[in-house]
Protein backbone atom coordinates (compact mmCIF):
# COMPACT_ATOMS: atom_id res chain seq x y z
CA MET A 1 5.18 -130.81 148.16
CA SER A 2 2.28 -128.89 149.16
CA LYS A 3 4.49 -126.34 151.05
CA ARG A 4 6.57 -125.95 147.81
CA LEU A 5 3.99 -125.31 145.20
CA ARG A 6 2.55 -122.84 147.98
CA SER A 7 5.89 -121.00 148.52
CA GLU A 8 6.04 -121.21 144.21
CA LYS A 9 2.63 -119.77 144.15
CA GLU A 10 3.19 -117.29 146.56
CA GLU A 11 6.65 -116.62 145.06
CA TYR A 12 5.05 -115.97 141.39
CA SER A 13 2.05 -113.98 143.33
CA ARG A 14 4.74 -111.48 144.57
CA SER A 15 6.36 -111.48 140.86
CA ASP A 16 2.99 -110.81 139.49
CA GLU A 17 2.37 -107.82 142.15
CA ARG A 18 5.92 -106.48 141.25
CA ARG A 19 5.47 -106.73 137.46
CA GLU A 20 1.66 -104.86 137.90
CA ARG A 21 3.61 -102.03 139.92
CA ARG A 22 5.95 -101.82 137.55
CA LYS A 23 3.59 -101.29 134.75
CA ASP A 24 1.65 -99.08 137.05
CA GLU A 25 4.41 -96.97 137.44
CA ASP A 26 5.64 -96.79 133.99
CA GLN A 27 1.96 -95.68 132.98
CA ARG A 28 1.90 -93.00 135.69
CA ARG A 29 5.43 -92.10 134.14
CA ASP A 30 4.20 -92.27 130.77
CA ARG A 31 1.30 -90.03 131.70
CA TYR A 32 3.60 -87.33 133.51
CA ASP A 33 5.95 -87.39 130.64
CA LYS A 34 3.18 -86.71 128.07
CA ARG A 35 1.60 -84.08 130.67
CA GLU A 36 4.81 -82.70 130.63
CA ARG A 37 5.11 -82.72 127.10
CA ARG A 38 1.91 -81.02 126.89
CA ASP A 39 2.24 -78.34 129.19
CA ARG A 40 5.51 -77.62 127.37
CA ASP A 41 4.01 -77.07 124.23
CA ARG A 42 1.50 -75.20 125.07
CA LYS A 43 4.19 -72.78 127.01
CA HIS A 44 5.75 -72.63 123.69
CA GLU A 45 2.86 -72.05 121.67
CA ARG A 46 1.48 -69.32 124.46
CA TYR A 47 4.96 -67.75 124.26
CA ASP A 48 4.76 -67.90 120.42
CA ARG A 49 1.41 -66.43 120.37
CA GLU A 50 2.82 -63.45 122.51
CA GLU A 51 5.87 -63.08 120.59
CA ARG A 52 4.04 -62.85 117.35
CA ARG A 53 1.46 -60.34 119.13
CA HIS A 54 4.05 -58.03 120.35
CA ARG A 55 6.11 -58.14 117.13
CA TYR A 56 2.83 -57.16 115.59
CA ASP A 57 2.42 -54.28 118.01
CA ARG A 58 5.64 -53.02 117.92
CA ASN A 59 5.52 -52.95 114.13
CA ASP A 60 2.04 -51.49 114.21
CA LYS A 61 3.32 -48.84 116.55
CA TYR A 62 6.29 -47.80 114.16
CA GLU A 63 4.45 -47.62 111.19
CA LYS A 64 1.97 -45.56 113.11
CA ARG A 65 4.91 -43.39 114.39
CA VAL A 66 6.44 -42.89 110.81
CA THR A 67 3.06 -41.90 109.70
CA GLU A 68 2.44 -39.57 112.12
CA VAL A 69 6.02 -38.18 111.57
CA LYS A 70 5.41 -38.13 107.92
CA ASN A 71 1.90 -36.32 108.38
CA GLU A 72 3.55 -33.65 110.52
CA LYS A 73 6.33 -33.09 108.23
CA SER A 74 3.90 -32.54 105.54
CA ASP A 75 1.91 -30.54 107.55
CA GLU A 76 4.75 -28.17 108.36
CA LYS A 77 4.68 -25.13 106.67
CA PRO A 78 8.20 -24.06 105.46
CA PRO A 79 9.21 -20.61 107.23
CA PRO A 80 8.59 -17.86 104.86
CA LYS A 81 11.28 -16.13 103.22
CA GLU A 82 12.41 -12.45 104.82
CA ARG A 83 11.66 -10.18 101.79
CA GLU A 84 14.66 -7.93 101.47
CA LYS A 85 14.56 -4.71 102.75
CA PRO A 86 14.84 -2.10 100.43
CA ASN A 87 18.63 -0.62 101.37
CA PHE A 88 18.73 3.40 101.09
CA GLY A 89 22.39 3.28 102.31
CA LEU A 90 25.61 2.89 100.18
CA SER A 91 25.72 0.81 97.11
CA GLY A 92 28.74 -1.45 97.38
CA LYS A 93 30.80 -3.09 94.83
CA LEU A 94 28.61 -4.43 91.74
CA ALA A 95 28.98 -7.78 89.87
CA GLU A 96 31.83 -7.68 87.17
CA ASP A 97 29.87 -8.50 84.58
CA THR A 98 26.57 -5.72 85.61
CA ASN A 99 28.78 -2.53 85.94
CA LEU A 100 31.58 -2.69 82.98
CA PHE A 101 32.37 1.07 81.64
CA ASN A 102 35.04 1.51 79.41
CA GLY A 103 36.01 -1.86 80.23
CA VAL A 104 36.57 -0.99 83.94
CA VAL A 105 34.35 -2.88 86.69
CA VAL A 106 32.72 0.51 88.37
CA LYS A 107 33.02 0.48 92.16
CA TYR A 108 29.77 2.60 92.60
CA ASN A 109 26.02 2.59 91.57
CA GLU A 110 23.78 5.50 91.94
CA PRO A 111 20.76 5.05 94.48
CA PRO A 112 17.34 5.59 93.66
CA GLU A 113 17.16 9.06 95.02
CA ALA A 114 19.79 10.37 92.85
CA ARG A 115 18.78 14.02 91.48
CA ILE A 116 20.89 16.42 89.50
CA PRO A 117 20.90 19.86 91.36
CA LYS A 118 19.51 23.22 90.35
CA ARG A 119 21.94 25.06 92.21
CA ASN A 120 25.86 25.30 90.28
CA TRP A 121 27.86 23.75 92.66
CA ARG A 122 31.70 24.03 92.00
CA LEU A 123 34.74 22.63 93.76
CA TYR A 124 37.50 25.06 94.10
CA PRO A 125 41.17 23.53 94.02
CA PHE A 126 43.97 24.99 96.18
CA LYS A 127 47.72 23.87 95.75
CA GLY A 128 49.14 25.39 98.73
CA GLU A 129 48.53 29.13 98.29
CA GLU A 130 47.84 28.48 94.67
CA ALA A 131 44.31 29.09 93.45
CA LEU A 132 43.24 26.28 90.46
CA PRO A 133 40.62 26.64 88.12
CA PHE A 134 37.44 25.81 89.56
CA ILE A 135 35.70 22.69 88.69
CA PRO A 136 31.72 22.54 88.16
CA VAL A 137 29.75 19.74 89.76
CA HIS A 138 26.15 20.34 89.18
CA LYS A 139 25.32 18.82 85.45
CA GLN A 140 24.66 15.50 86.50
CA SER A 141 23.77 13.83 89.85
CA ALA A 142 26.98 12.08 90.77
CA PHE A 143 31.08 12.65 90.36
CA MET A 144 33.55 10.13 90.58
CA LEU A 145 37.08 11.07 91.71
CA GLY A 146 39.99 9.02 91.42
CA ARG A 147 43.18 8.00 88.96
CA ASP A 148 41.72 5.88 86.55
CA ARG A 149 40.95 8.64 83.85
CA LYS A 150 38.33 5.68 81.98
CA VAL A 151 35.79 6.01 84.63
CA VAL A 152 36.16 9.04 86.58
CA ASP A 153 34.51 12.29 86.19
CA ILE A 154 37.20 14.31 88.31
CA PRO A 155 40.78 12.99 87.95
CA ILE A 156 43.08 13.07 90.97
CA ASP A 157 46.64 11.81 90.10
CA HIS A 158 48.23 11.88 93.30
CA PRO A 159 50.11 8.55 94.01
CA SER A 160 48.62 8.01 97.05
CA CYS A 161 44.70 8.29 95.66
CA SER A 162 43.01 5.05 94.76
CA LYS A 163 41.72 4.57 91.03
CA GLN A 164 38.02 4.89 92.06
CA HIS A 165 38.49 6.93 95.10
CA ALA A 166 35.26 8.78 96.11
CA VAL A 167 32.02 9.90 94.51
CA ILE A 168 30.29 13.38 95.18
CA GLN A 169 26.53 12.35 94.89
CA PHE A 170 23.50 14.20 95.23
CA ARG A 171 20.07 12.79 96.56
CA LEU A 172 16.94 14.15 97.03
CA VAL A 173 16.09 14.04 100.82
CA THR A 174 13.00 15.09 103.34
CA TYR A 175 13.19 17.92 105.73
CA TYR A 176 11.04 20.07 107.63
CA ARG A 177 10.55 23.88 107.47
CA GLU A 178 10.32 26.31 110.08
CA ASP A 179 6.12 26.26 110.08
CA GLY A 180 6.54 22.34 110.31
CA GLU A 181 5.60 21.29 106.65
CA GLU A 182 7.77 18.60 104.88
CA GLY A 183 9.60 19.40 102.10
CA LYS A 184 11.99 17.97 99.64
CA ARG A 185 15.64 19.45 98.84
CA VAL A 186 18.93 17.95 96.77
CA ARG A 187 21.70 17.83 99.21
CA PRO A 188 25.05 17.40 98.31
CA TYR A 189 27.46 14.53 99.81
CA ILE A 190 30.20 12.47 99.40
CA ILE A 191 31.01 9.03 99.82
CA ASP A 192 34.33 7.47 99.97
CA LEU A 193 34.67 3.76 97.80
CA GLU A 194 37.03 1.95 100.46
CA SER A 195 40.25 3.92 99.14
CA SER A 196 43.34 2.76 100.15
CA ASN A 197 44.22 6.06 102.33
CA GLY A 198 40.67 7.62 102.81
CA THR A 199 38.78 10.80 102.33
CA PHE A 200 39.24 13.99 104.41
CA VAL A 201 36.18 16.57 105.08
CA ASN A 202 37.47 19.27 106.87
CA ASN A 203 40.35 17.52 108.23
CA GLN A 204 38.35 14.26 109.41
CA GLN A 205 38.39 10.84 107.99
CA ILE A 206 34.81 9.82 106.67
CA ASP A 207 33.55 6.19 107.06
CA ALA A 208 34.00 4.07 104.04
CA ARG A 209 31.12 3.60 102.03
CA ARG A 210 29.00 5.74 104.14
CA TYR A 211 27.48 9.10 102.82
CA CYS A 212 28.66 12.05 104.47
CA GLU A 213 26.71 15.33 103.80
CA LEU A 214 28.59 18.45 102.43
CA PHE A 215 28.27 21.92 103.28
CA GLU A 216 29.29 25.18 101.86
CA LYS A 217 32.96 26.03 102.23
CA ASP A 218 33.50 22.61 103.19
CA VAL A 219 37.15 21.66 102.42
CA ILE A 220 37.62 18.18 100.87
CA LYS A 221 41.52 16.08 100.64
CA PHE A 222 41.88 12.91 99.18
CA GLY A 223 44.71 10.53 100.32
CA TYR A 224 47.84 12.18 101.38
CA SER A 225 47.62 14.70 98.80
CA THR A 226 48.17 18.29 100.12
CA ARG A 227 45.46 19.65 97.15
CA GLU A 228 42.71 21.08 98.92
CA TYR A 229 38.80 21.12 97.36
CA VAL A 230 36.42 23.81 99.03
CA PHE A 231 33.09 22.69 98.00
CA LEU A 232 31.17 26.46 96.72
CA HIS A 233 28.41 27.37 94.68
CA GLU A 234 28.25 30.27 92.20
CA GLU A 235 26.39 32.41 94.74
CA SER A 236 27.92 31.71 97.44
CA LYS A 237 28.75 35.29 98.70
CA ASP A 238 24.76 36.28 98.66
CA ASP A 239 22.70 33.57 99.03
CA GLU A 240 22.12 31.47 101.99
CA GLU A 241 19.05 29.41 101.08
CA ASP A 242 19.04 25.69 100.38
CA ASP A 243 18.05 24.05 97.50
CA ASP A 244 14.58 23.14 97.87
CA VAL A 245 12.38 20.89 95.18
CA LYS A 246 8.41 21.68 96.08
């Protein structure tokens, strides 16, 4: 009987030990789980803080960059517009509502240096060997030639000529005398108004919309017309001096 009791006690004792060990293991496991959860939560909190900080830094950097770009743009001055340089070349076609004459759009506008000459220049037309009456070209600063009689000063009726073919323009230009002093004089020029078949001086076609200086005894032709115009003045036989303006 005593043996039996002892064995039961021993068995009970071992059962208690197992329960205690199991309890200890459960407690250790609980502590481990709690520690794991705590560490995991801390990691998550740390990650969240870092993520918020990075997000804030990115947003802050972006806003600063946007502000800097805006400031740079506001500080940048637009490039100054280049002032239009004066054009002392040729006047091309004008706006249709600003250069009308007799209801016709005029293709030419006189330059600022236009002047009426003092010398009595003339055009002497020749039709083959036949000399026609001369045409005075000195009472105004410019003379337009062409087929459109509504606007031209000197009609040229050949079908190869344009309605507004060319202009004889007198211009005040600078020159230097033999003693080196600067002077001014009125000189004749001719300009082709982009005619269909060209303007010719001494059998050489001149460039369209470019002034070509005329000299005494030059021969002018228009288009395919055989009529020639000799450029002279009333004192051509005995006067060789230029037309100066003091």
